[in-house]
Amino acid sequence: MKLENNQEIKIDGELLKVVIVLPYFNEIIGTELLDNANQELLANNVQPENIEIVRTSGALEIPYACKKIIQDKNPDIIIALGVIIRGETTHYDLVSENTYRGIMKVQLETGTPISFGIISCENEAQAKERASKDGLNKGKDAAQAALLQTII
């Protein structure tokens, strides 16, 4: 894995059990985040049979899903992906803030790392740029962050 500063870090994920949580909401952009995260995991030797995808209806459901996954499946790491796009109401702020806080609370309570790959954007174009393989590639970033947590 090559980090932003071109530092090379080798992580052998062969024995890692990874769960990726992804809402159905904003499906097209979310699926691109998922594909990019999955490619990065495979590039770091995580075995396909050790990668599980769990879907939720939206971002607010992610913290609860993560807690249940940890209780039931005991993964080494969870990657939380999703897309929250600002609308015309304060709903965006409530969803973003409570999703962030919920995920942080779950990982601190359980001791299981949850990589935060949920992008909060002003508009769909910004979200597409952040999710794109050729853009900022936040799915890949989330997978790298998760993998790095395994060596702490």
C-alpha atoms as a PDB file:
ATOM      1  CA  MET A   1       0.000   0.000   0.000  1.00  0.00           C
ATOM      2  CA  LYS A   2       1.367   3.383  -0.949  1.00  0.00           C
ATOM      3  CA  LEU A   3       0.305   6.327   1.181  1.00  0.00           C
ATOM      4  CA  GLU A   4      -0.193   9.904   0.045  1.00  0.00           C
ATOM      5  CA  ASN A   5       3.406  10.816   0.900  1.00  0.00           C
ATOM      6  CA  ASN A   6       4.606   7.869  -1.265  1.00  0.00           C
ATOM      7  CA  GLN A   7       5.561   5.874   1.843  1.00  0.00           C
ATOM      8  CA  GLU A   8       5.220   2.163   1.129  1.00  0.00           C
ATOM      9  CA  ILE A   9       3.584   0.030   3.824  1.00  0.00           C
ATOM     10  CA  LYS A  10       3.168  -3.717   3.470  1.00  0.00           C
ATOM     11  CA  ILE A  11       0.128  -5.234   5.130  1.00  0.00           C
ATOM     12  CA  ASP A  12      -0.654  -8.892   4.653  1.00  0.00           C
ATOM     13  CA  GLY A  13      -4.384  -9.132   5.088  1.00  0.00           C
ATOM     14  CA  GLU A  14      -4.577 -12.850   4.349  1.00  0.00           C
ATOM     15  CA  LEU A  15      -6.028 -13.736   7.751  1.00  0.00           C
ATOM     16  CA  LEU A  16      -8.165 -10.633   8.242  1.00  0.00           C
ATOM     17  CA  LYS A  17     -11.928 -10.874   8.525  1.00  0.00           C
ATOM     18  CA  VAL A  18     -13.431  -7.664   7.091  1.00  0.00           C
ATOM     19  CA  VAL A  19     -17.012  -6.446   6.952  1.00  0.00           C
ATOM     20  CA  ILE A  20     -18.002  -3.538   4.724  1.00  0.00           C
ATOM     21  CA  VAL A  21     -21.232  -1.734   5.614  1.00  0.00           C
ATOM     22  CA  LEU A  22     -22.934   0.179   2.802  1.00  0.00           C
ATOM     23  CA  PRO A  23     -26.376   1.804   2.662  1.00  0.00           C
ATOM     24  CA  TYR A  24     -28.699   1.378  -0.307  1.00  0.00           C
ATOM     25  CA  PHE A  25     -29.250   5.142  -0.344  1.00  0.00           C
ATOM     26  CA  ASN A  26     -27.182   6.875  -3.078  1.00  0.00           C
ATOM     27  CA  GLU A  27     -26.593   3.420  -4.545  1.00  0.00           C
ATOM     28  CA  ILE A  28     -24.583   4.294  -7.672  1.00  0.00           C
ATOM     29  CA  ILE A  29     -21.963   6.400  -5.918  1.00  0.00           C
ATOM     30  CA  GLY A  30     -21.931   4.054  -2.921  1.00  0.00           C
ATOM     31  CA  THR A  31     -21.251   1.088  -5.175  1.00  0.00           C
ATOM     32  CA  GLU A  32     -18.218   2.865  -6.596  1.00  0.00           C
ATOM     33  CA  LEU A  33     -16.914   3.418  -3.058  1.00  0.00           C
ATOM     34  CA  LEU A  34     -17.489  -0.275  -2.403  1.00  0.00           C
ATOM     35  CA  ASP A  35     -15.686  -1.395  -5.558  1.00  0.00           C
ATOM     36  CA  ASN A  36     -12.676   0.796  -4.764  1.00  0.00           C
ATOM     37  CA  ALA A  37     -12.504  -0.410  -1.151  1.00  0.00           C
ATOM     38  CA  ASN A  38     -12.817  -4.026  -2.230  1.00  0.00           C
ATOM     39  CA  GLN A  39     -10.013  -3.650  -4.807  1.00  0.00           C
ATOM     40  CA  GLU A  40      -7.711  -2.208  -2.148  1.00  0.00           C
ATOM     41  CA  LEU A  41      -8.457  -5.044   0.260  1.00  0.00           C
ATOM     42  CA  LEU A  42      -7.728  -7.640  -2.421  1.00  0.00           C
ATOM     43  CA  ALA A  43      -4.512  -5.801  -3.361  1.00  0.00           C
ATOM     44  CA  ASN A  44      -3.425  -6.265   0.266  1.00  0.00           C
ATOM     45  CA  ASN A  45      -4.058 -10.015   0.214  1.00  0.00           C
ATOM     46  CA  VAL A  46      -7.399  -9.998   2.033  1.00  0.00           C
ATOM     47  CA  GLN A  47      -9.097 -13.180   0.869  1.00  0.00           C
ATOM     48  CA  PRO A  48     -12.408 -12.697  -0.981  1.00  0.00           C
ATOM     49  CA  GLU A  49     -14.147 -15.202   1.288  1.00  0.00           C
ATOM     50  CA  ASN A  50     -13.110 -13.066   4.294  1.00  0.00           C
ATOM     51  CA  ILE A  51     -14.846  -9.940   2.956  1.00  0.00           C
ATOM     52  CA  GLU A  52     -18.525  -9.632   3.787  1.00  0.00           C
ATOM     53  CA  ILE A  53     -20.832  -6.869   2.579  1.00  0.00           C
ATOM     54  CA  VAL A  54     -23.709  -5.806   4.842  1.00  0.00           C
ATOM     55  CA  ARG A  55     -26.292  -3.378   3.489  1.00  0.00           C
ATOM     56  CA  THR A  56     -28.373  -0.880   5.454  1.00  0.00           C
ATOM     57  CA  SER A  57     -31.173   1.379   4.296  1.00  0.00           C
ATOM     58  CA  GLY A  58     -29.307   4.610   5.029  1.00  0.00           C
ATOM     59  CA  ALA A  59     -26.375   6.161   6.857  1.00  0.00           C
ATOM     60  CA  LEU A  60     -28.159   6.517  10.200  1.00  0.00           C
ATOM     61  CA  GLU A  61     -28.518   2.756  10.394  1.00  0.00           C
ATOM     62  CA  ILE A  62     -24.764   2.149  10.048  1.00  0.00           C
ATOM     63  CA  PRO A  63     -23.774   2.520  13.743  1.00  0.00           C
ATOM     64  CA  TYR A  64     -26.359  -0.038  14.877  1.00  0.00           C
ATOM     65  CA  ALA A  65     -25.392  -2.401  12.066  1.00  0.00           C
ATOM     66  CA  CYS A  66     -21.728  -2.111  13.074  1.00  0.00           C
ATOM     67  CA  LYS A  67     -22.537  -2.916  16.687  1.00  0.00           C
ATOM     68  CA  LYS A  68     -24.575  -5.999  15.698  1.00  0.00           C
ATOM     69  CA  ILE A  69     -21.853  -7.144  13.286  1.00  0.00           C
ATOM     70  CA  ILE A  70     -19.230  -6.911  16.021  1.00  0.00           C
ATOM     71  CA  GLN A  71     -21.429  -8.857  18.457  1.00  0.00           C
ATOM     72  CA  ASP A  72     -22.426 -11.555  15.958  1.00  0.00           C
ATOM     73  CA  LYS A  73     -19.425 -11.912  13.627  1.00  0.00           C
ATOM     74  CA  ASN A  74     -16.426 -10.512  15.541  1.00  0.00           C
ATOM     75  CA  PRO A  75     -14.593  -9.086  12.498  1.00  0.00           C
ATOM     76  CA  ASP A  76     -11.071  -7.706  12.686  1.00  0.00           C
ATOM     77  CA  ILE A  77     -12.150  -4.465  11.016  1.00  0.00           C
ATOM     78  CA  ILE A  78     -15.269  -2.815   9.636  1.00  0.00           C
ATOM     79  CA  ILE A  79     -15.324  -0.350   6.781  1.00  0.00           C
ATOM     80  CA  ALA A  80     -18.329   1.964   6.889  1.00  0.00           C
ATOM     81  CA  LEU A  81     -19.078   3.448   3.480  1.00  0.00           C
ATOM     82  CA  GLY A  82     -21.820   5.759   2.295  1.00  0.00           C
ATOM     83  CA  VAL A  83     -22.791   9.026   0.691  1.00  0.00           C
ATOM     84  CA  ILE A  84     -24.645  11.880   2.365  1.00  0.00           C
ATOM     85  CA  ILE A  85     -25.546  14.754   0.024  1.00  0.00           C
ATOM     86  CA  ARG A  86     -26.841  18.086   1.316  1.00  0.00           C
ATOM     87  CA  GLY A  87     -30.463  18.781   0.528  1.00  0.00           C
ATOM     88  CA  GLU A  88     -32.727  21.719   1.209  1.00  0.00           C
ATOM     89  CA  THR A  89     -33.267  21.006   4.926  1.00  0.00           C
ATOM     90  CA  THR A  90     -31.179  20.445   8.052  1.00  0.00           C
ATOM     91  CA  HIS A  91     -31.606  16.678   7.597  1.00  0.00           C
ATOM     92  CA  TYR A  92     -28.090  16.527   6.078  1.00  0.00           C
ATOM     93  CA  ASP A  93     -26.512  17.965   9.220  1.00  0.00           C
ATOM     94  CA  LEU A  94     -28.425  15.643  11.528  1.00  0.00           C
ATOM     95  CA  VAL A  95     -27.626  12.526   9.508  1.00  0.00           C
ATOM     96  CA  SER A  96     -23.937  13.389   9.100  1.00  0.00           C
ATOM     97  CA  GLU A  97     -23.319  14.306  12.724  1.00  0.00           C
ATOM     98  CA  ASN A  98     -25.233  11.413  14.253  1.00  0.00           C
ATOM     99  CA  THR A  99     -23.684   8.868  11.911  1.00  0.00           C
ATOM    100  CA  TYR A 100     -20.188  10.107  12.753  1.00  0.00           C
ATOM    101  CA  ARG A 101     -20.874  10.083  16.481  1.00  0.00           C
ATOM    102  CA  GLY A 102     -22.575   6.703  16.424  1.00  0.00           C
ATOM    103  CA  ILE A 103     -19.715   5.006  14.610  1.00  0.00           C
ATOM    104  CA  MET A 104     -17.135   6.584  16.902  1.00  0.00           C
ATOM    105  CA  LYS A 105     -19.079   5.450  19.970  1.00  0.00           C
ATOM    106  CA  VAL A 106     -19.378   1.875  18.715  1.00  0.00           C
ATOM    107  CA  GLN A 107     -15.688   1.501  17.937  1.00  0.00           C
ATOM    108  CA  LEU A 108     -14.619   3.008  21.250  1.00  0.00           C
ATOM    109  CA  GLU A 109     -17.061   0.815  23.219  1.00  0.00           C
ATOM    110  CA  THR A 110     -16.180  -2.409  21.420  1.00  0.00           C
ATOM    111  CA  GLY A 111     -12.505  -1.939  20.587  1.00  0.00           C
ATOM    112  CA  THR A 112     -13.133  -2.981  16.985  1.00  0.00           C
ATOM    113  CA  PRO A 113     -11.785  -0.477  14.447  1.00  0.00           C
ATOM    114  CA  ILE A 114     -14.374   1.041  12.111  1.00  0.00           C
ATOM    115  CA  SER A 115     -12.932   2.933   9.179  1.00  0.00           C
ATOM    116  CA  PHE A 116     -15.056   5.925   8.259  1.00  0.00           C
ATOM    117  CA  GLY A 117     -15.562   6.010   4.501  1.00  0.00           C
ATOM    118  CA  ILE A 118     -18.792   7.982   4.506  1.00  0.00           C
ATOM    119  CA  ILE A 119     -18.540  11.045   2.341  1.00  0.00           C
ATOM    120  CA  SER A 120     -20.607  14.125   3.143  1.00  0.00           C
ATOM    121  CA  CYS A 121     -20.935  16.415   0.159  1.00  0.00           C
ATOM    122  CA  GLU A 122     -22.693  19.557  -0.949  1.00  0.00           C
ATOM    123  CA  ASN A 123     -23.878  18.054  -4.231  1.00  0.00           C
ATOM    124  CA  GLU A 124     -23.851  14.944  -6.400  1.00  0.00           C
ATOM    125  CA  ALA A 125     -20.940  16.119  -8.582  1.00  0.00           C
ATOM    126  CA  GLN A 126     -18.746  16.532  -5.504  1.00  0.00           C
ATOM    127  CA  ALA A 127     -19.773  13.072  -4.278  1.00  0.00           C
ATOM    128  CA  LYS A 128     -18.941  11.478  -7.633  1.00  0.00           C
ATOM    129  CA  GLU A 129     -15.483  13.102  -7.615  1.00  0.00           C
ATOM    130  CA  ARG A 130     -14.739  11.812  -4.115  1.00  0.00           C
ATOM    131  CA  ALA A 131     -15.879   8.295  -4.930  1.00  0.00           C
ATOM    132  CA  SER A 132     -14.217   8.038  -8.339  1.00  0.00           C
ATOM    133  CA  LYS A 133     -11.289   5.727  -8.946  1.00  0.00           C
ATOM    134  CA  ASP A 134      -9.687   8.541 -10.912  1.00  0.00           C
ATOM    135  CA  GLY A 135     -10.714  11.208  -8.384  1.00  0.00           C
ATOM    136  CA  LEU A 136     -10.105  11.317  -4.655  1.00  0.00           C
ATOM    137  CA  ASN A 137     -11.040   7.618  -4.271  1.00  0.00           C
ATOM    138  CA  LYS A 138     -12.418   7.670  -0.730  1.00  0.00           C
ATOM    139  CA  GLY A 139     -13.342   3.973  -0.918  1.00  0.00           C
ATOM    140  CA  LYS A 140      -9.686   3.082  -1.357  1.00  0.00           C
ATOM    141  CA  ASP A 141      -8.734   5.517   1.415  1.00  0.00           C
ATOM    142  CA  ALA A 142     -11.237   3.910   3.802  1.00  0.00           C
ATOM    143  CA  ALA A 143      -9.837   0.442   3.082  1.00  0.00           C
ATOM    144  CA  GLN A 144      -6.286   1.663   3.646  1.00  0.00           C
ATOM    145  CA  ALA A 145      -7.278   3.291   6.937  1.00  0.00           C
ATOM    146  CA  ALA A 146      -8.925   0.044   8.051  1.00  0.00           C
ATOM    147  CA  LEU A 147      -5.868  -2.013   7.132  1.00  0.00           C
ATOM    148  CA  LEU A 148      -3.574   0.388   8.966  1.00  0.00           C
ATOM    149  CA  GLN A 149      -5.665  -0.074  12.116  1.00  0.00           C
ATOM    150  CA  THR A 150      -4.659  -3.733  12.159  1.00  0.00           C
ATOM    151  CA  ILE A 151      -1.004  -2.862  12.792  1.00  0.00           C
ATOM    152  CA  ILE A 152      -1.562  -0.424  15.672  1.00  0.00           C
END
